[in-house]
Amino acid sequence: MGYNCRQFYDIRYAGGILITGILGSLLGGAALVISILNYRRDKPQLKVTLKWDMQEIGTRRMMGIVKVANVGRRPVHLSIVALQINADHKYRAMILNDSIKGKRLDEGDKPEGFTVNYDQMAEHKGHWDKIRAMAEDSTGKAYYSEYPKDKPSWAN
């Protein structure tokens, strides 16, 4: 009943242990990279667009439209949608009343639309190019539309 030390130093056993260790390190590193990429990809993301000079068919009334879509991979609760005014003015944002109740947007849902009446927009005609739409989720993260490139009709 002797103990044979030679078998632990045999090249066949050492080679198998080495290959197993290298393979485990490579697969563990690959799994770490994949999970980091999934974490970065699997977060909520809102896309906000603002379009001016849209006409309602029935009343022929002109209005703006703010569309908010969830383009991320997680559901998000939309808490508020507003027009952000980046100018020296008495207030910095105009909240769209339709958005106050909030809305849950799941992955792949249709975009949520909010109308912007032109009633009070004439007082902002001097800085129409500094107005953009803003949507805020339940965590407080704000998402913004691009600034308009074309002058809307209410700014004339």
C-alpha atoms as a PDB file:
ATOM      1  CA  MET A   1       0.000   0.000   0.000  1.00  0.00           C
ATOM      2  CA  GLY A   2       2.447   2.571  -1.127  1.00  0.00           C
ATOM      3  CA  TYR A   3       1.926   6.093  -2.260  1.00  0.00           C
ATOM      4  CA  ASN A   4       3.167   6.731  -5.786  1.00  0.00           C
ATOM      5  CA  CYS A   5       4.278  10.369  -6.172  1.00  0.00           C
ATOM      6  CA  ARG A   6       5.254   9.875  -9.793  1.00  0.00           C
ATOM      7  CA  GLN A   7       1.666   9.840 -11.053  1.00  0.00           C
ATOM      8  CA  PHE A   8       1.114  13.450  -9.929  1.00  0.00           C
ATOM      9  CA  TYR A   9       4.059  14.616 -11.940  1.00  0.00           C
ATOM     10  CA  ASP A  10       3.273  12.546 -14.971  1.00  0.00           C
ATOM     11  CA  ILE A  11       2.986  14.750 -18.074  1.00  0.00           C
ATOM     12  CA  ARG A  12      -0.383  13.251 -18.986  1.00  0.00           C
ATOM     13  CA  TYR A  13      -1.976  14.402 -15.756  1.00  0.00           C
ATOM     14  CA  ALA A  14      -0.238  17.782 -15.700  1.00  0.00           C
ATOM     15  CA  GLY A  15      -1.203  18.458 -19.320  1.00  0.00           C
ATOM     16  CA  GLY A  16      -4.859  17.656 -18.635  1.00  0.00           C
ATOM     17  CA  ILE A  17      -4.913  19.888 -15.556  1.00  0.00           C
ATOM     18  CA  LEU A  18      -3.260  22.728 -17.484  1.00  0.00           C
ATOM     19  CA  ILE A  19      -5.697  22.461 -20.386  1.00  0.00           C
ATOM     20  CA  THR A  20      -8.666  22.340 -18.011  1.00  0.00           C
ATOM     21  CA  GLY A  21      -7.401  25.431 -16.164  1.00  0.00           C
ATOM     22  CA  ILE A  22      -6.841  27.429 -19.369  1.00  0.00           C
ATOM     23  CA  LEU A  23     -10.225  26.403 -20.771  1.00  0.00           C
ATOM     24  CA  GLY A  24     -11.968  27.352 -17.519  1.00  0.00           C
ATOM     25  CA  SER A  25     -10.246  30.753 -17.499  1.00  0.00           C
ATOM     26  CA  LEU A  26     -11.209  31.475 -21.106  1.00  0.00           C
ATOM     27  CA  LEU A  27     -14.841  30.409 -20.651  1.00  0.00           C
ATOM     28  CA  GLY A  28     -15.142  32.342 -17.373  1.00  0.00           C
ATOM     29  CA  GLY A  29     -13.715  35.476 -19.002  1.00  0.00           C
ATOM     30  CA  ALA A  30     -16.059  35.115 -21.981  1.00  0.00           C
ATOM     31  CA  ALA A  31     -19.042  34.709 -19.642  1.00  0.00           C
ATOM     32  CA  LEU A  32     -18.003  37.851 -17.755  1.00  0.00           C
ATOM     33  CA  VAL A  33     -17.749  39.885 -20.984  1.00  0.00           C
ATOM     34  CA  ILE A  34     -21.146  38.622 -22.198  1.00  0.00           C
ATOM     35  CA  SER A  35     -22.844  39.454 -18.901  1.00  0.00           C
ATOM     36  CA  ILE A  36     -21.357  42.973 -18.891  1.00  0.00           C
ATOM     37  CA  LEU A  37     -22.604  43.526 -22.464  1.00  0.00           C
ATOM     38  CA  ASN A  38     -26.072  42.222 -21.523  1.00  0.00           C
ATOM     39  CA  TYR A  39     -26.187  44.536 -18.527  1.00  0.00           C
ATOM     40  CA  ARG A  40     -25.338  47.543 -20.689  1.00  0.00           C
ATOM     41  CA  ARG A  41     -27.874  46.551 -23.355  1.00  0.00           C
ATOM     42  CA  ASP A  42     -30.742  45.595 -21.037  1.00  0.00           C
ATOM     43  CA  LYS A  43     -31.623  49.007 -19.676  1.00  0.00           C
ATOM     44  CA  PRO A  44     -34.631  51.188 -20.407  1.00  0.00           C
ATOM     45  CA  GLN A  45     -34.124  53.803 -23.098  1.00  0.00           C
ATOM     46  CA  LEU A  46     -36.655  56.353 -24.311  1.00  0.00           C
ATOM     47  CA  LYS A  47     -36.637  58.078 -27.681  1.00  0.00           C
ATOM     48  CA  VAL A  48     -38.389  61.456 -27.722  1.00  0.00           C
ATOM     49  CA  THR A  49     -39.386  63.300 -30.900  1.00  0.00           C
ATOM     50  CA  LEU A  50     -41.058  66.684 -31.349  1.00  0.00           C
ATOM     51  CA  LYS A  51     -42.844  67.679 -34.563  1.00  0.00           C
ATOM     52  CA  TRP A  52     -44.450  71.052 -35.183  1.00  0.00           C
ATOM     53  CA  ASP A  53     -47.164  72.118 -37.642  1.00  0.00           C
ATOM     54  CA  MET A  54     -49.295  68.988 -37.567  1.00  0.00           C
ATOM     55  CA  GLN A  55     -52.935  69.537 -38.522  1.00  0.00           C
ATOM     56  CA  GLU A  56     -55.918  67.790 -36.944  1.00  0.00           C
ATOM     57  CA  ILE A  57     -58.231  66.544 -39.698  1.00  0.00           C
ATOM     58  CA  GLY A  58     -61.621  67.291 -38.106  1.00  0.00           C
ATOM     59  CA  THR A  59     -61.009  70.826 -36.816  1.00  0.00           C
ATOM     60  CA  ARG A  60     -58.055  71.756 -39.057  1.00  0.00           C
ATOM     61  CA  ARG A  61     -56.380  73.039 -35.892  1.00  0.00           C
ATOM     62  CA  MET A  62     -52.564  73.259 -35.940  1.00  0.00           C
ATOM     63  CA  MET A  63     -50.622  71.574 -33.138  1.00  0.00           C
ATOM     64  CA  GLY A  64     -47.335  70.004 -32.189  1.00  0.00           C
ATOM     65  CA  ILE A  65     -46.859  66.308 -31.449  1.00  0.00           C
ATOM     66  CA  VAL A  66     -44.460  64.804 -28.896  1.00  0.00           C
ATOM     67  CA  LYS A  67     -43.877  61.072 -29.365  1.00  0.00           C
ATOM     68  CA  VAL A  68     -42.189  58.938 -26.701  1.00  0.00           C
ATOM     69  CA  ALA A  69     -41.103  55.366 -27.490  1.00  0.00           C
ATOM     70  CA  ASN A  70     -39.320  52.777 -25.380  1.00  0.00           C
ATOM     71  CA  VAL A  71     -36.424  51.556 -27.510  1.00  0.00           C
ATOM     72  CA  GLY A  72     -34.726  49.773 -24.603  1.00  0.00           C
ATOM     73  CA  ARG A  73     -35.074  46.207 -23.392  1.00  0.00           C
ATOM     74  CA  ARG A  74     -36.764  46.876 -20.035  1.00  0.00           C
ATOM     75  CA  PRO A  75     -40.186  48.341 -19.244  1.00  0.00           C
ATOM     76  CA  VAL A  76     -40.183  51.954 -18.101  1.00  0.00           C
ATOM     77  CA  HIS A  77     -42.788  54.105 -16.372  1.00  0.00           C
ATOM     78  CA  LEU A  78     -43.124  57.474 -18.060  1.00  0.00           C
ATOM     79  CA  SER A  79     -43.850  60.009 -15.326  1.00  0.00           C
ATOM     80  CA  ILE A  80     -43.956  63.378 -17.121  1.00  0.00           C
ATOM     81  CA  VAL A  81     -43.621  64.909 -20.595  1.00  0.00           C
ATOM     82  CA  ALA A  82     -42.932  68.610 -21.034  1.00  0.00           C
ATOM     83  CA  LEU A  83     -41.522  71.217 -23.385  1.00  0.00           C
ATOM     84  CA  GLN A  84     -38.195  72.446 -22.083  1.00  0.00           C
ATOM     85  CA  ILE A  85     -37.405  76.092 -22.729  1.00  0.00           C
ATOM     86  CA  ASN A  86     -33.685  76.915 -22.746  1.00  0.00           C
ATOM     87  CA  ALA A  87     -33.933  80.675 -22.595  1.00  0.00           C
ATOM     88  CA  ASP A  88     -34.245  83.427 -20.017  1.00  0.00           C
ATOM     89  CA  HIS A  89     -37.913  83.098 -19.279  1.00  0.00           C
ATOM     90  CA  LYS A  90     -40.153  83.072 -16.218  1.00  0.00           C
ATOM     91  CA  TYR A  91     -40.457  79.270 -16.363  1.00  0.00           C
ATOM     92  CA  ARG A  92     -38.215  76.577 -17.786  1.00  0.00           C
ATOM     93  CA  ALA A  93     -40.748  73.898 -18.740  1.00  0.00           C
ATOM     94  CA  MET A  94     -44.338  73.600 -19.919  1.00  0.00           C
ATOM     95  CA  ILE A  95     -45.904  70.333 -18.758  1.00  0.00           C
ATOM     96  CA  LEU A  96     -48.195  68.536 -21.184  1.00  0.00           C
ATOM     97  CA  ASN A  97     -51.383  67.771 -19.225  1.00  0.00           C
ATOM     98  CA  ASP A  98     -51.979  64.409 -20.924  1.00  0.00           C
ATOM     99  CA  SER A  99     -48.745  63.094 -19.381  1.00  0.00           C
ATOM    100  CA  ILE A 100     -49.427  63.869 -15.716  1.00  0.00           C
ATOM    101  CA  LYS A 101     -51.124  60.540 -14.964  1.00  0.00           C
ATOM    102  CA  GLY A 102     -48.043  58.616 -16.167  1.00  0.00           C
ATOM    103  CA  LYS A 103     -47.806  55.656 -18.517  1.00  0.00           C
ATOM    104  CA  ARG A 104     -46.000  52.314 -18.517  1.00  0.00           C
ATOM    105  CA  LEU A 105     -44.110  51.602 -21.729  1.00  0.00           C
ATOM    106  CA  ASP A 106     -43.011  48.020 -22.325  1.00  0.00           C
ATOM    107  CA  GLU A 107     -40.399  46.872 -24.799  1.00  0.00           C
ATOM    108  CA  GLY A 108     -41.839  47.062 -28.305  1.00  0.00           C
ATOM    109  CA  ASP A 109     -44.975  49.015 -27.339  1.00  0.00           C
ATOM    110  CA  LYS A 110     -46.310  51.593 -29.778  1.00  0.00           C
ATOM    111  CA  PRO A 111     -45.043  55.129 -29.148  1.00  0.00           C
ATOM    112  CA  GLU A 112     -47.128  57.282 -26.822  1.00  0.00           C
ATOM    113  CA  GLY A 113     -48.267  60.574 -28.367  1.00  0.00           C
ATOM    114  CA  PHE A 114     -48.946  63.914 -26.664  1.00  0.00           C
ATOM    115  CA  THR A 115     -50.373  67.011 -28.323  1.00  0.00           C
ATOM    116  CA  VAL A 116     -49.004  70.536 -27.907  1.00  0.00           C
ATOM    117  CA  ASN A 117     -51.549  73.321 -28.334  1.00  0.00           C
ATOM    118  CA  TYR A 118     -50.399  76.499 -30.033  1.00  0.00           C
ATOM    119  CA  ASP A 119     -52.409  78.692 -27.634  1.00  0.00           C
ATOM    120  CA  GLN A 120     -49.491  79.930 -25.508  1.00  0.00           C
ATOM    121  CA  MET A 121     -46.643  79.289 -27.913  1.00  0.00           C
ATOM    122  CA  ALA A 122     -46.657  82.769 -29.525  1.00  0.00           C
ATOM    123  CA  GLU A 123     -44.963  84.290 -26.477  1.00  0.00           C
ATOM    124  CA  HIS A 124     -41.957  82.008 -27.130  1.00  0.00           C
ATOM    125  CA  LYS A 125     -41.533  82.897 -30.815  1.00  0.00           C
ATOM    126  CA  GLY A 126     -38.275  84.746 -30.167  1.00  0.00           C
ATOM    127  CA  HIS A 127     -36.516  81.562 -29.067  1.00  0.00           C
ATOM    128  CA  TRP A 128     -38.372  78.822 -30.965  1.00  0.00           C
ATOM    129  CA  ASP A 129     -35.056  77.123 -31.727  1.00  0.00           C
ATOM    130  CA  LYS A 130     -34.337  76.618 -28.014  1.00  0.00           C
ATOM    131  CA  ILE A 131     -37.482  74.593 -27.275  1.00  0.00           C
ATOM    132  CA  ARG A 132     -37.342  70.812 -27.168  1.00  0.00           C
ATOM    133  CA  ALA A 133     -39.435  67.994 -25.713  1.00  0.00           C
ATOM    134  CA  MET A 134     -38.411  66.254 -22.508  1.00  0.00           C
ATOM    135  CA  ALA A 135     -39.681  62.960 -21.068  1.00  0.00           C
ATOM    136  CA  GLU A 136     -38.818  61.834 -17.547  1.00  0.00           C
ATOM    137  CA  ASP A 137     -39.109  58.288 -16.242  1.00  0.00           C
ATOM    138  CA  SER A 138     -39.981  57.197 -12.708  1.00  0.00           C
ATOM    139  CA  THR A 139     -36.317  57.150 -11.657  1.00  0.00           C
ATOM    140  CA  GLY A 140     -35.903  60.822 -12.562  1.00  0.00           C
ATOM    141  CA  LYS A 141     -33.803  60.276 -15.675  1.00  0.00           C
ATOM    142  CA  ALA A 142     -34.660  62.769 -18.409  1.00  0.00           C
ATOM    143  CA  TYR A 143     -34.628  62.050 -22.140  1.00  0.00           C
ATOM    144  CA  TYR A 144     -34.666  64.878 -24.703  1.00  0.00           C
ATOM    145  CA  SER A 145     -35.694  65.378 -28.299  1.00  0.00           C
ATOM    146  CA  GLU A 146     -33.513  67.235 -30.758  1.00  0.00           C
ATOM    147  CA  TYR A 147     -33.911  70.975 -31.132  1.00  0.00           C
ATOM    148  CA  PRO A 148     -36.132  71.928 -34.093  1.00  0.00           C
ATOM    149  CA  LYS A 149     -34.413  72.761 -37.360  1.00  0.00           C
ATOM    150  CA  ASP A 150     -37.379  74.295 -39.178  1.00  0.00           C
ATOM    151  CA  LYS A 151     -39.245  77.331 -37.877  1.00  0.00           C
ATOM    152  CA  PRO A 152     -42.800  76.419 -36.799  1.00  0.00           C
ATOM    153  CA  SER A 153     -45.784  78.432 -38.003  1.00  0.00           C
ATOM    154  CA  TRP A 154     -46.544  79.840 -34.524  1.00  0.00           C
ATOM    155  CA  ALA A 155     -43.109  81.542 -34.480  1.00  0.00           C
ATOM    156  CA  ASN A 156     -43.846  83.744 -37.536  1.00  0.00           C
END
